[in-house]
Amino acid sequence: MAKKWNDYTGREKVIGVMAAAFAVFTIGGIANAMGGTTAPSATDSVQVPAQAVRYEEVEETESIPFSKQTREDNTINLGEEKVTTVGVDGIKTKTYKVTYLGETETGRELIREVVTKEPIGEVTSIGTYVAPARVQSQSCDSNYSGACVPIASDVDCAGGSGNGPAYVSGPVNVIGSDIYDLDRDGNGVGCE
């Protein structure tokens, strides 16, 4: 009496399925070898081309902005400003390990970062120089000639007994009023 499917054990069922699959696969392979074609069965494996994973090191640069500072400079006039050092940006180079699947980038990892050009800071000089006040030329009293008799609260002959605060080296000619009493003997010439 023939066995029904339910009468087989689990192990016998597995062996039977494997034998049937082998037969289908073998018959399909023979048919293909002889020029025939068969429809793919559930046991045929479909080959999908695998995409290659590859790695590359990629360098990228980025700018490092320069700093700005000001300094006082006593050689530049007060209130003037001048850029005395021109600022220049630096350059930073970053190297990445980039992962590709086929031609598609799938990841990147920073592996090193190097400053390849240091930035140069910009310096602006601010002037602080103030020119000394000009000493105006001493005005001379118009009552005298021959030597400049300064205009002051009192003028005495240099080298004499007077106490100033201003002095004149003579001789001086009195051509107007002798307001500083330089001509003591009244001959028209003072500080003789």
C-alpha atoms as a PDB file:
ATOM      1  CA  MET A   1       0.000   0.000   0.000  1.00  0.00           C
ATOM      2  CA  ALA A   2       1.397   3.406  -0.973  1.00  0.00           C
ATOM      3  CA  LYS A   3       2.218   5.959   1.717  1.00  0.00           C
ATOM      4  CA  LYS A   4       0.284   9.219   1.812  1.00  0.00           C
ATOM      5  CA  TRP A   5       2.145  12.521   2.241  1.00  0.00           C
ATOM      6  CA  ASN A   6       1.029  12.739   5.862  1.00  0.00           C
ATOM      7  CA  ASP A   7       2.530   9.306   6.576  1.00  0.00           C
ATOM      8  CA  TYR A   8       6.090  10.540   5.906  1.00  0.00           C
ATOM      9  CA  THR A   9       8.241  11.809   8.730  1.00  0.00           C
ATOM     10  CA  GLY A  10       9.647  15.356   8.723  1.00  0.00           C
ATOM     11  CA  ARG A  11      13.057  14.055   7.684  1.00  0.00           C
ATOM     12  CA  GLU A  12      11.656  12.111   4.781  1.00  0.00           C
ATOM     13  CA  LYS A  13       9.665  15.149   3.613  1.00  0.00           C
ATOM     14  CA  VAL A  14      12.826  17.328   3.558  1.00  0.00           C
ATOM     15  CA  ILE A  15      14.768  14.705   1.610  1.00  0.00           C
ATOM     16  CA  GLY A  16      11.928  14.450  -0.895  1.00  0.00           C
ATOM     17  CA  VAL A  17      11.751  18.214  -1.467  1.00  0.00           C
ATOM     18  CA  MET A  18      15.517  18.401  -1.925  1.00  0.00           C
ATOM     19  CA  ALA A  19      15.453  15.553  -4.458  1.00  0.00           C
ATOM     20  CA  ALA A  20      12.679  17.244  -6.447  1.00  0.00           C
ATOM     21  CA  ALA A  21      14.576  20.559  -6.487  1.00  0.00           C
ATOM     22  CA  PHE A  22      17.759  18.810  -7.643  1.00  0.00           C
ATOM     23  CA  ALA A  23      15.869  17.134 -10.456  1.00  0.00           C
ATOM     24  CA  VAL A  24      14.331  20.417 -11.648  1.00  0.00           C
ATOM     25  CA  PHE A  25      17.695  22.180 -11.469  1.00  0.00           C
ATOM     26  CA  THR A  26      19.497  19.376 -13.297  1.00  0.00           C
ATOM     27  CA  ILE A  27      16.869  19.073 -16.017  1.00  0.00           C
ATOM     28  CA  GLY A  28      16.880  22.872 -16.491  1.00  0.00           C
ATOM     29  CA  GLY A  29      20.679  22.856 -16.797  1.00  0.00           C
ATOM     30  CA  ILE A  30      20.613  20.020 -19.372  1.00  0.00           C
ATOM     31  CA  ALA A  31      17.897  21.801 -21.367  1.00  0.00           C
ATOM     32  CA  ASN A  32      19.937  25.009 -21.427  1.00  0.00           C
ATOM     33  CA  ALA A  33      23.049  23.092 -22.501  1.00  0.00           C
ATOM     34  CA  MET A  34      21.090  21.566 -25.396  1.00  0.00           C
ATOM     35  CA  GLY A  35      19.828  24.937 -26.585  1.00  0.00           C
ATOM     36  CA  GLY A  36      16.428  24.824 -24.963  1.00  0.00           C
ATOM     37  CA  THR A  37      15.106  27.179 -22.378  1.00  0.00           C
ATOM     38  CA  THR A  38      13.178  26.590 -19.271  1.00  0.00           C
ATOM     39  CA  ALA A  39      11.425  29.014 -17.026  1.00  0.00           C
ATOM     40  CA  PRO A  40      13.388  29.803 -13.874  1.00  0.00           C
ATOM     41  CA  SER A  41      12.199  27.854 -10.927  1.00  0.00           C
ATOM     42  CA  ALA A  42      12.067  28.875  -7.292  1.00  0.00           C
ATOM     43  CA  THR A  43      15.294  27.013  -6.686  1.00  0.00           C
ATOM     44  CA  ASP A  44      17.289  28.908  -9.371  1.00  0.00           C
ATOM     45  CA  SER A  45      19.572  31.602  -7.901  1.00  0.00           C
ATOM     46  CA  VAL A  46      19.554  35.040  -9.535  1.00  0.00           C
ATOM     47  CA  GLN A  47      22.992  36.667  -9.786  1.00  0.00           C
ATOM     48  CA  VAL A  48      22.977  40.408  -8.875  1.00  0.00           C
ATOM     49  CA  PRO A  49      26.255  42.144  -9.692  1.00  0.00           C
ATOM     50  CA  ALA A  50      27.847  43.329  -6.462  1.00  0.00           C
ATOM     51  CA  GLN A  51      28.871  47.006  -6.294  1.00  0.00           C
ATOM     52  CA  ALA A  52      32.429  47.563  -5.178  1.00  0.00           C
ATOM     53  CA  VAL A  53      33.099  49.425  -1.936  1.00  0.00           C
ATOM     54  CA  ARG A  54      36.126  51.683  -2.220  1.00  0.00           C
ATOM     55  CA  TYR A  55      37.892  54.298  -0.117  1.00  0.00           C
ATOM     56  CA  GLU A  56      39.643  57.511  -1.125  1.00  0.00           C
ATOM     57  CA  GLU A  57      41.472  60.275   0.721  1.00  0.00           C
ATOM     58  CA  VAL A  58      40.064  63.639  -0.279  1.00  0.00           C
ATOM     59  CA  GLU A  59      41.610  67.018   0.631  1.00  0.00           C
ATOM     60  CA  GLU A  60      39.564  70.160   1.015  1.00  0.00           C
ATOM     61  CA  THR A  61      40.743  73.658   1.940  1.00  0.00           C
ATOM     62  CA  GLU A  62      38.971  76.346   3.863  1.00  0.00           C
ATOM     63  CA  SER A  63      39.813  79.947   4.600  1.00  0.00           C
ATOM     64  CA  ILE A  64      40.958  81.119   8.055  1.00  0.00           C
ATOM     65  CA  PRO A  65      39.854  84.757   8.503  1.00  0.00           C
ATOM     66  CA  PHE A  66      42.543  87.223   9.612  1.00  0.00           C
ATOM     67  CA  SER A  67      42.212  89.159  12.864  1.00  0.00           C
ATOM     68  CA  LYS A  68      42.094  92.950  13.163  1.00  0.00           C
ATOM     69  CA  GLN A  69      43.734  95.112  15.783  1.00  0.00           C
ATOM     70  CA  THR A  70      44.593  98.759  16.386  1.00  0.00           C
ATOM     71  CA  ARG A  71      47.740 100.304  17.837  1.00  0.00           C
ATOM     72  CA  GLU A  72      48.629 103.803  18.903  1.00  0.00           C
ATOM     73  CA  ASP A  73      51.418 105.371  16.863  1.00  0.00           C
ATOM     74  CA  ASN A  74      53.171 108.553  17.969  1.00  0.00           C
ATOM     75  CA  THR A  75      54.616 109.116  14.479  1.00  0.00           C
ATOM     76  CA  ILE A  76      51.163 109.701  12.965  1.00  0.00           C
ATOM     77  CA  ASN A  77      49.219 112.900  13.614  1.00  0.00           C
ATOM     78  CA  LEU A  78      46.493 112.767  16.232  1.00  0.00           C
ATOM     79  CA  GLY A  79      43.175 111.640  14.735  1.00  0.00           C
ATOM     80  CA  GLU A  80      44.671 110.032  11.626  1.00  0.00           C
ATOM     81  CA  GLU A  81      44.370 106.287  10.973  1.00  0.00           C
ATOM     82  CA  LYS A  82      46.448 104.193   8.600  1.00  0.00           C
ATOM     83  CA  VAL A  83      46.507 100.443   7.825  1.00  0.00           C
ATOM     84  CA  THR A  84      50.154  99.615   8.542  1.00  0.00           C
ATOM     85  CA  THR A  85      49.886  95.821   8.063  1.00  0.00           C
ATOM     86  CA  VAL A  86      47.453  94.469   5.467  1.00  0.00           C
ATOM     87  CA  GLY A  87      45.493  91.429   6.677  1.00  0.00           C
ATOM     88  CA  VAL A  88      45.707  88.163   4.722  1.00  0.00           C
ATOM     89  CA  ASP A  89      43.463  85.113   5.252  1.00  0.00           C
ATOM     90  CA  GLY A  90      45.127  81.809   6.125  1.00  0.00           C
ATOM     91  CA  ILE A  91      44.370  78.364   4.704  1.00  0.00           C
ATOM     92  CA  LYS A  92      43.421  75.161   6.524  1.00  0.00           C
ATOM     93  CA  THR A  93      43.646  71.808   4.711  1.00  0.00           C
ATOM     94  CA  LYS A  94      41.344  68.989   5.846  1.00  0.00           C
ATOM     95  CA  THR A  95      41.851  65.371   4.742  1.00  0.00           C
ATOM     96  CA  TYR A  96      38.870  63.012   4.753  1.00  0.00           C
ATOM     97  CA  LYS A  97      38.590  59.245   4.282  1.00  0.00           C
ATOM     98  CA  VAL A  98      35.623  58.969   1.921  1.00  0.00           C
ATOM     99  CA  THR A  99      33.688  55.708   1.420  1.00  0.00           C
ATOM    100  CA  TYR A 100      32.021  55.034  -1.937  1.00  0.00           C
ATOM    101  CA  LEU A 101      29.572  52.297  -2.931  1.00  0.00           C
ATOM    102  CA  GLY A 102      29.959  52.248  -6.690  1.00  0.00           C
ATOM    103  CA  GLU A 103      30.063  55.938  -7.550  1.00  0.00           C
ATOM    104  CA  THR A 104      27.918  57.067  -4.621  1.00  0.00           C
ATOM    105  CA  GLU A 105      29.541  58.593  -1.533  1.00  0.00           C
ATOM    106  CA  THR A 106      28.221  56.803   1.536  1.00  0.00           C
ATOM    107  CA  GLY A 107      30.353  58.300   4.292  1.00  0.00           C
ATOM    108  CA  ARG A 108      33.305  60.503   5.187  1.00  0.00           C
ATOM    109  CA  GLU A 109      35.585  60.709   8.195  1.00  0.00           C
ATOM    110  CA  LEU A 110      38.001  63.568   9.022  1.00  0.00           C
ATOM    111  CA  ILE A 111      41.434  62.018   9.502  1.00  0.00           C
ATOM    112  CA  ARG A 112      43.660  65.121   9.703  1.00  0.00           C
ATOM    113  CA  GLU A 113      43.500  68.892   9.734  1.00  0.00           C
ATOM    114  CA  VAL A 114      46.557  71.084   9.095  1.00  0.00           C
ATOM    115  CA  VAL A 115      47.023  74.864   8.902  1.00  0.00           C
ATOM    116  CA  THR A 116      48.936  75.173   5.628  1.00  0.00           C
ATOM    117  CA  LYS A 117      49.133  78.991   5.673  1.00  0.00           C
ATOM    118  CA  GLU A 118      48.929  81.072   8.827  1.00  0.00           C
ATOM    119  CA  PRO A 119      46.725  84.184   8.627  1.00  0.00           C
ATOM    120  CA  ILE A 120      48.391  87.603   8.889  1.00  0.00           C
ATOM    121  CA  GLY A 121      46.562  89.964  11.238  1.00  0.00           C
ATOM    122  CA  GLU A 122      45.609  93.414   9.992  1.00  0.00           C
ATOM    123  CA  VAL A 123      47.023  96.298  12.031  1.00  0.00           C
ATOM    124  CA  THR A 124      45.560  99.792  11.907  1.00  0.00           C
ATOM    125  CA  SER A 125      47.710 102.505  13.470  1.00  0.00           C
ATOM    126  CA  ILE A 126      45.948 105.380  15.194  1.00  0.00           C
ATOM    127  CA  GLY A 127      47.905 108.610  15.399  1.00  0.00           C
ATOM    128  CA  THR A 128      48.713 110.179  18.768  1.00  0.00           C
ATOM    129  CA  TYR A 129      51.362 112.740  17.695  1.00  0.00           C
ATOM    130  CA  VAL A 130      50.665 116.326  18.676  1.00  0.00           C
ATOM    131  CA  ALA A 131      53.077 118.908  17.297  1.00  0.00           C
ATOM    132  CA  PRO A 132      54.525 121.173  19.978  1.00  0.00           C
ATOM    133  CA  ALA A 133      53.023 124.634  20.065  1.00  0.00           C
ATOM    134  CA  ARG A 134      55.031 127.063  18.023  1.00  0.00           C
ATOM    135  CA  VAL A 135      56.834 129.662  19.973  1.00  0.00           C
ATOM    136  CA  GLN A 136      55.821 132.821  18.324  1.00  0.00           C
ATOM    137  CA  SER A 137      58.654 135.092  17.416  1.00  0.00           C
ATOM    138  CA  GLN A 138      59.294 137.497  20.215  1.00  0.00           C
ATOM    139  CA  SER A 139      57.736 140.845  19.597  1.00  0.00           C
ATOM    140  CA  CYS A 140      60.059 143.781  20.017  1.00  0.00           C
ATOM    141  CA  ASP A 141      59.067 147.021  21.692  1.00  0.00           C
ATOM    142  CA  SER A 142      58.788 149.747  19.062  1.00  0.00           C
ATOM    143  CA  ASN A 143      60.323 152.373  21.421  1.00  0.00           C
ATOM    144  CA  TYR A 144      63.773 150.871  20.875  1.00  0.00           C
ATOM    145  CA  SER A 145      65.985 149.885  17.916  1.00  0.00           C
ATOM    146  CA  GLY A 146      69.383 148.298  17.332  1.00  0.00           C
ATOM    147  CA  ALA A 147      68.488 145.262  19.447  1.00  0.00           C
ATOM    148  CA  CYS A 148      65.167 143.621  20.140  1.00  0.00           C
ATOM    149  CA  VAL A 149      63.796 144.815  23.457  1.00  0.00           C
ATOM    150  CA  PRO A 150      61.105 142.249  24.405  1.00  0.00           C
ATOM    151  CA  ILE A 151      57.672 143.332  25.472  1.00  0.00           C
ATOM    152  CA  ALA A 152      57.373 142.294  29.127  1.00  0.00           C
ATOM    153  CA  SER A 153      56.352 143.614  32.547  1.00  0.00           C
ATOM    154  CA  ASP A 154      59.972 144.772  33.045  1.00  0.00           C
ATOM    155  CA  VAL A 155      63.136 144.597  30.941  1.00  0.00           C
ATOM    156  CA  ASP A 156      66.659 145.106  32.279  1.00  0.00           C
ATOM    157  CA  CYS A 157      70.072 145.210  30.659  1.00  0.00           C
ATOM    158  CA  ALA A 158      71.709 141.791  30.545  1.00  0.00           C
ATOM    159  CA  GLY A 159      74.630 141.563  32.977  1.00  0.00           C
ATOM    160  CA  GLY A 160      73.323 144.488  35.019  1.00  0.00           C
ATOM    161  CA  SER A 161      71.805 144.634  38.480  1.00  0.00           C
ATOM    162  CA  GLY A 162      68.160 144.458  37.331  1.00  0.00           C
ATOM    163  CA  ASN A 163      65.897 141.565  38.270  1.00  0.00           C
ATOM    164  CA  GLY A 164      64.007 141.107  34.955  1.00  0.00           C
ATOM    165  CA  PRO A 165      61.961 139.092  34.201  1.00  0.00           C
ATOM    166  CA  ALA A 166      63.227 139.957  30.667  1.00  0.00           C
ATOM    167  CA  TYR A 167      66.692 141.133  29.600  1.00  0.00           C
ATOM    168  CA  VAL A 168      68.259 142.726  26.543  1.00  0.00           C
ATOM    169  CA  SER A 169      71.875 142.852  25.405  1.00  0.00           C
ATOM    170  CA  GLY A 170      72.766 146.369  24.286  1.00  0.00           C
ATOM    171  CA  PRO A 171      73.453 148.757  23.044  1.00  0.00           C
ATOM    172  CA  VAL A 172      69.882 149.767  22.182  1.00  0.00           C
ATOM    173  CA  ASN A 173      68.788 153.108  20.759  1.00  0.00           C
ATOM    174  CA  VAL A 174      65.889 154.833  22.423  1.00  0.00           C
ATOM    175  CA  ILE A 175      63.665 156.135  19.599  1.00  0.00           C
ATOM    176  CA  GLY A 176      60.499 156.669  21.592  1.00  0.00           C
ATOM    177  CA  SER A 177      59.731 156.615  25.329  1.00  0.00           C
ATOM    178  CA  ASP A 178      62.279 154.802  27.495  1.00  0.00           C
ATOM    179  CA  ILE A 179      59.555 152.852  29.322  1.00  0.00           C
ATOM    180  CA  TYR A 180      62.019 150.327  30.814  1.00  0.00           C
ATOM    181  CA  ASP A 181      64.522 153.022  31.913  1.00  0.00           C
ATOM    182  CA  LEU A 182      67.389 151.471  29.925  1.00  0.00           C
ATOM    183  CA  ASP A 183      69.073 154.825  29.076  1.00  0.00           C
ATOM    184  CA  ARG A 184      70.107 155.930  32.588  1.00  0.00           C
ATOM    185  CA  ASP A 185      72.443 158.670  31.466  1.00  0.00           C
ATOM    186  CA  GLY A 186      69.927 160.139  28.979  1.00  0.00           C
ATOM    187  CA  ASN A 187      72.253 160.075  25.915  1.00  0.00           C
ATOM    188  CA  GLY A 188      69.696 158.124  23.798  1.00  0.00           C
ATOM    189  CA  VAL A 189      71.568 154.816  24.047  1.00  0.00           C
ATOM    190  CA  GLY A 190      70.732 152.196  26.648  1.00  0.00           C
ATOM    191  CA  CYS A 191      72.583 149.149  27.952  1.00  0.00           C
ATOM    192  CA  GLU A 192      75.965 150.523  26.830  1.00  0.00           C
END
